[in-house]
Amino acid sequence: MSVTKAEYLRASDIAKRLACAVEMVHDAIHSGALPAMNISRGAKRPTWRIRESDFEQWREARTTKRRQELPPQPKPKRYTPSANVKKFY
């Protein structure tokens, strides 16, 4: 089985696709939500590669889960000071 270079993405590639910071992708990798492999072999800083199919599954689960679980947010109430507040002007 041969593996092509196009099947794997870097964390920076994913961050560009999602228009987010690379740290967000690293957080997903470290939490175990996004499967990735370290190809750096004992280096101090890991070099992550993510299979494109794993990324697509993670993104699909993340977007559909978020849409289903989040209730609609009520509008924030405007602040009005109570009658007991002294005016300083």
N, C-alpha and C. Protein backbone atom coordinates (compact mmCIF):
# COMPACT_ATOMS: atom_id res chain seq x y z
N MET A 1 0.84 -1.18 0.00
CA MET A 1 0.00 0.00 0.00
C MET A 1 0.89 1.24 0.00
N SER A 2 0.76 2.05 -1.00
CA SER A 2 1.57 3.26 -1.06
C SER A 2 0.76 4.45 -0.55
N VAL A 3 1.42 5.30 0.14
CA VAL A 3 0.78 6.49 0.71
C VAL A 3 1.30 7.70 -0.04
N THR A 4 0.38 8.49 -0.54
CA THR A 4 0.80 9.70 -1.25
C THR A 4 0.86 10.87 -0.30
N LYS A 5 1.62 11.85 -0.70
CA LYS A 5 1.80 13.04 0.13
C LYS A 5 0.50 13.82 0.27
N ALA A 6 -0.36 13.74 -0.73
CA ALA A 6 -1.60 14.51 -0.72
C ALA A 6 -2.62 13.99 0.30
N GLU A 7 -2.43 12.76 0.81
CA GLU A 7 -3.38 12.20 1.77
C GLU A 7 -3.21 12.78 3.17
N TYR A 8 -2.06 13.39 3.44
CA TYR A 8 -1.77 13.89 4.78
C TYR A 8 -1.67 15.41 4.77
N LEU A 9 -2.17 16.01 5.84
CA LEU A 9 -2.16 17.47 5.98
C LEU A 9 -1.32 17.87 7.18
N ARG A 10 -0.76 19.05 7.13
CA ARG A 10 -0.06 19.63 8.27
C ARG A 10 -1.08 20.41 9.11
N ALA A 11 -0.74 20.68 10.33
CA ALA A 11 -1.63 21.46 11.20
C ALA A 11 -1.86 22.85 10.63
N SER A 12 -0.84 23.41 9.99
CA SER A 12 -1.00 24.74 9.39
C SER A 12 -1.95 24.71 8.20
N ASP A 13 -1.97 23.60 7.45
CA ASP A 13 -2.92 23.47 6.34
C ASP A 13 -4.36 23.47 6.85
N ILE A 14 -4.58 22.74 7.93
CA ILE A 14 -5.92 22.69 8.51
C ILE A 14 -6.32 24.04 9.06
N ALA A 15 -5.39 24.72 9.71
CA ALA A 15 -5.69 26.05 10.26
C ALA A 15 -6.07 27.02 9.15
N LYS A 16 -5.41 26.93 8.01
CA LYS A 16 -5.76 27.80 6.88
C LYS A 16 -7.16 27.49 6.36
N ARG A 17 -7.49 26.20 6.28
CA ARG A 17 -8.83 25.81 5.81
C ARG A 17 -9.92 26.30 6.74
N LEU A 18 -9.66 26.25 8.04
CA LEU A 18 -10.66 26.65 9.03
C LEU A 18 -10.59 28.13 9.39
N ALA A 19 -9.58 28.82 8.90
CA ALA A 19 -9.36 30.23 9.23
C ALA A 19 -9.27 30.42 10.74
N CYS A 20 -8.39 29.63 11.35
CA CYS A 20 -8.19 29.70 12.79
C CYS A 20 -6.70 29.63 13.09
N ALA A 21 -6.36 29.67 14.35
CA ALA A 21 -4.96 29.59 14.77
C ALA A 21 -4.51 28.13 14.78
N VAL A 22 -3.23 27.93 14.54
CA VAL A 22 -2.65 26.59 14.55
C VAL A 22 -2.77 25.98 15.95
N GLU A 23 -2.76 26.81 16.97
CA GLU A 23 -2.88 26.32 18.34
C GLU A 23 -4.21 25.61 18.56
N MET A 24 -5.28 26.05 17.88
CA MET A 24 -6.56 25.38 18.01
C MET A 24 -6.49 23.96 17.47
N VAL A 25 -5.78 23.79 16.37
CA VAL A 25 -5.60 22.46 15.78
C VAL A 25 -4.75 21.60 16.72
N HIS A 26 -3.70 22.17 17.28
CA HIS A 26 -2.86 21.44 18.23
C HIS A 26 -3.65 21.03 19.47
N ASP A 27 -4.53 21.90 19.94
CA ASP A 27 -5.38 21.56 21.09
C ASP A 27 -6.28 20.36 20.77
N ALA A 28 -6.84 20.34 19.56
CA ALA A 28 -7.69 19.22 19.15
C ALA A 28 -6.88 17.93 19.06
N ILE A 29 -5.65 18.02 18.60
CA ILE A 29 -4.78 16.84 18.52
C ILE A 29 -4.44 16.34 19.93
N HIS A 30 -4.04 17.25 20.82
CA HIS A 30 -3.64 16.86 22.18
C HIS A 30 -4.81 16.33 23.00
N SER A 31 -6.01 16.80 22.73
CA SER A 31 -7.18 16.31 23.46
C SER A 31 -7.64 14.95 22.94
N GLY A 32 -7.15 14.55 21.77
CA GLY A 32 -7.54 13.26 21.20
C GLY A 32 -8.73 13.34 20.28
N ALA A 33 -9.28 14.52 20.08
CA ALA A 33 -10.45 14.66 19.22
C ALA A 33 -10.08 14.52 17.74
N LEU A 34 -8.89 14.97 17.38
CA LEU A 34 -8.41 14.90 16.00
C LEU A 34 -7.24 13.93 15.94
N PRO A 35 -7.43 12.78 15.30
CA PRO A 35 -6.33 11.81 15.22
C PRO A 35 -5.18 12.34 14.36
N ALA A 36 -3.95 12.19 14.85
CA ALA A 36 -2.78 12.66 14.13
C ALA A 36 -1.60 11.78 14.50
N MET A 37 -0.56 11.84 13.67
CA MET A 37 0.66 11.09 13.97
C MET A 37 1.84 12.03 14.01
N ASN A 38 2.75 11.73 14.91
CA ASN A 38 3.96 12.52 15.07
C ASN A 38 5.05 11.87 14.21
N ILE A 39 5.60 12.61 13.26
CA ILE A 39 6.61 12.05 12.36
C ILE A 39 8.01 12.55 12.68
N SER A 40 8.20 13.22 13.81
CA SER A 40 9.49 13.85 14.09
C SER A 40 10.52 12.90 14.71
N ARG A 41 10.13 11.75 15.22
CA ARG A 41 11.04 10.73 15.75
C ARG A 41 11.99 11.26 16.81
N GLY A 42 11.48 11.57 17.94
CA GLY A 42 12.31 11.94 19.08
C GLY A 42 12.77 13.38 19.13
N ALA A 43 12.33 14.21 18.24
CA ALA A 43 12.70 15.61 18.29
C ALA A 43 11.97 16.27 19.46
N LYS A 44 12.46 17.43 19.88
CA LYS A 44 11.83 18.13 20.99
C LYS A 44 10.43 18.63 20.63
N ARG A 45 10.26 19.06 19.39
CA ARG A 45 8.96 19.57 18.96
C ARG A 45 8.31 18.56 18.01
N PRO A 46 7.09 18.15 18.28
CA PRO A 46 6.45 17.18 17.39
C PRO A 46 6.09 17.80 16.04
N THR A 47 6.13 16.97 15.02
CA THR A 47 5.69 17.36 13.68
C THR A 47 4.47 16.51 13.37
N TRP A 48 3.30 17.13 13.38
CA TRP A 48 2.06 16.39 13.23
C TRP A 48 1.64 16.29 11.78
N ARG A 49 1.10 15.12 11.42
CA ARG A 49 0.48 14.90 10.12
C ARG A 49 -0.89 14.29 10.38
N ILE A 50 -1.88 14.82 9.68
CA ILE A 50 -3.26 14.40 9.87
C ILE A 50 -3.77 13.85 8.56
N ARG A 51 -4.35 12.68 8.60
CA ARG A 51 -4.94 12.09 7.40
C ARG A 51 -6.15 12.93 6.99
N GLU A 52 -6.27 13.19 5.71
CA GLU A 52 -7.33 14.06 5.23
C GLU A 52 -8.71 13.50 5.55
N SER A 53 -8.88 12.20 5.48
CA SER A 53 -10.18 11.59 5.80
C SER A 53 -10.52 11.79 7.28
N ASP A 54 -9.50 11.69 8.16
CA ASP A 54 -9.73 11.93 9.59
C ASP A 54 -10.13 13.38 9.84
N PHE A 55 -9.50 14.29 9.13
CA PHE A 55 -9.84 15.71 9.27
C PHE A 55 -11.28 15.97 8.84
N GLU A 56 -11.68 15.38 7.72
CA GLU A 56 -13.05 15.59 7.23
C GLU A 56 -14.08 15.03 8.21
N GLN A 57 -13.80 13.85 8.78
CA GLN A 57 -14.72 13.28 9.78
C GLN A 57 -14.79 14.16 11.02
N TRP A 58 -13.65 14.65 11.48
CA TRP A 58 -13.62 15.51 12.67
C TRP A 58 -14.39 16.80 12.42
N ARG A 59 -14.17 17.39 11.24
CA ARG A 59 -14.86 18.65 10.93
C ARG A 59 -16.36 18.44 10.82
N GLU A 60 -16.78 17.35 10.18
CA GLU A 60 -18.21 17.06 10.04
C GLU A 60 -18.86 16.83 11.40
N ALA A 61 -18.21 16.05 12.25
CA ALA A 61 -18.76 15.79 13.59
C ALA A 61 -18.81 17.06 14.42
N ARG A 62 -17.81 17.89 14.26
CA ARG A 62 -17.75 19.13 15.04
C ARG A 62 -18.83 20.11 14.62
N THR A 63 -19.08 20.24 13.33
CA THR A 63 -20.07 21.21 12.87
C THR A 63 -21.49 20.73 13.12
N THR A 64 -21.78 19.44 12.87
CA THR A 64 -23.15 18.97 13.08
C THR A 64 -23.47 18.90 14.57
N LYS A 65 -22.51 18.48 15.39
CA LYS A 65 -22.73 18.41 16.83
C LYS A 65 -23.02 19.80 17.39
N ARG A 66 -22.28 20.76 16.93
CA ARG A 66 -22.42 22.11 17.44
C ARG A 66 -23.79 22.69 17.08
N ARG A 67 -24.24 22.43 15.87
CA ARG A 67 -25.53 22.96 15.44
C ARG A 67 -26.68 22.31 16.21
N GLN A 68 -26.56 21.03 16.53
CA GLN A 68 -27.65 20.33 17.20
C GLN A 68 -27.70 20.64 18.69
N GLU A 69 -26.57 20.78 19.35
CA GLU A 69 -26.55 20.90 20.80
C GLU A 69 -26.76 22.31 21.33
N LEU A 70 -26.36 23.31 20.58
CA LEU A 70 -26.44 24.67 21.10
C LEU A 70 -27.86 25.23 20.96
N PRO A 71 -28.46 25.63 22.08
CA PRO A 71 -29.78 26.25 21.98
C PRO A 71 -29.63 27.69 21.47
N PRO A 72 -30.69 28.24 20.94
CA PRO A 72 -30.59 29.63 20.50
C PRO A 72 -30.29 30.55 21.68
N GLN A 73 -29.40 31.48 21.46
CA GLN A 73 -28.98 32.39 22.53
C GLN A 73 -29.94 33.57 22.63
N PRO A 74 -30.40 33.89 23.86
CA PRO A 74 -31.27 35.06 24.01
C PRO A 74 -30.46 36.34 23.84
N LYS A 75 -31.15 37.38 23.46
CA LYS A 75 -30.48 38.66 23.31
C LYS A 75 -30.07 39.18 24.68
N PRO A 76 -28.89 39.77 24.78
CA PRO A 76 -28.47 40.30 26.08
C PRO A 76 -29.34 41.49 26.48
N LYS A 77 -29.60 41.58 27.78
CA LYS A 77 -30.42 42.68 28.28
C LYS A 77 -29.57 43.94 28.37
N ARG A 78 -30.18 45.03 28.09
CA ARG A 78 -29.47 46.30 28.20
C ARG A 78 -29.36 46.69 29.66
N TYR A 79 -28.24 47.26 30.00
CA TYR A 79 -28.00 47.68 31.38
C TYR A 79 -28.73 48.99 31.62
N THR A 80 -29.53 49.00 32.67
CA THR A 80 -30.18 50.23 33.11
C THR A 80 -29.92 50.35 34.61
N PRO A 81 -29.37 51.44 35.04
CA PRO A 81 -29.09 51.59 36.47
C PRO A 81 -30.39 51.67 37.27
N SER A 82 -30.33 51.17 38.48
CA SER A 82 -31.52 51.21 39.32
C SER A 82 -31.75 52.64 39.82
N ALA A 83 -32.89 52.87 40.42
CA ALA A 83 -33.25 54.20 40.89
C ALA A 83 -32.39 54.61 42.09
N ASN A 84 -31.76 53.66 42.77
CA ASN A 84 -30.95 53.97 43.95
C ASN A 84 -29.54 54.43 43.61
N VAL A 85 -29.15 54.41 42.36
CA VAL A 85 -27.81 54.80 41.97
C VAL A 85 -27.71 56.31 41.93
N LYS A 86 -26.67 56.84 42.61
CA LYS A 86 -26.46 58.29 42.59
C LYS A 86 -25.76 58.70 41.31
N LYS A 87 -26.15 59.81 40.78
CA LYS A 87 -25.51 60.32 39.59
C LYS A 87 -24.37 61.22 40.00
N PHE A 88 -23.25 61.09 39.32
CA PHE A 88 -22.06 61.86 39.67
C PHE A 88 -21.80 62.98 38.66
N TYR A 89 -22.79 63.43 37.98
CA TYR A 89 -22.57 64.50 37.02
C TYR A 89 -23.60 65.58 37.16
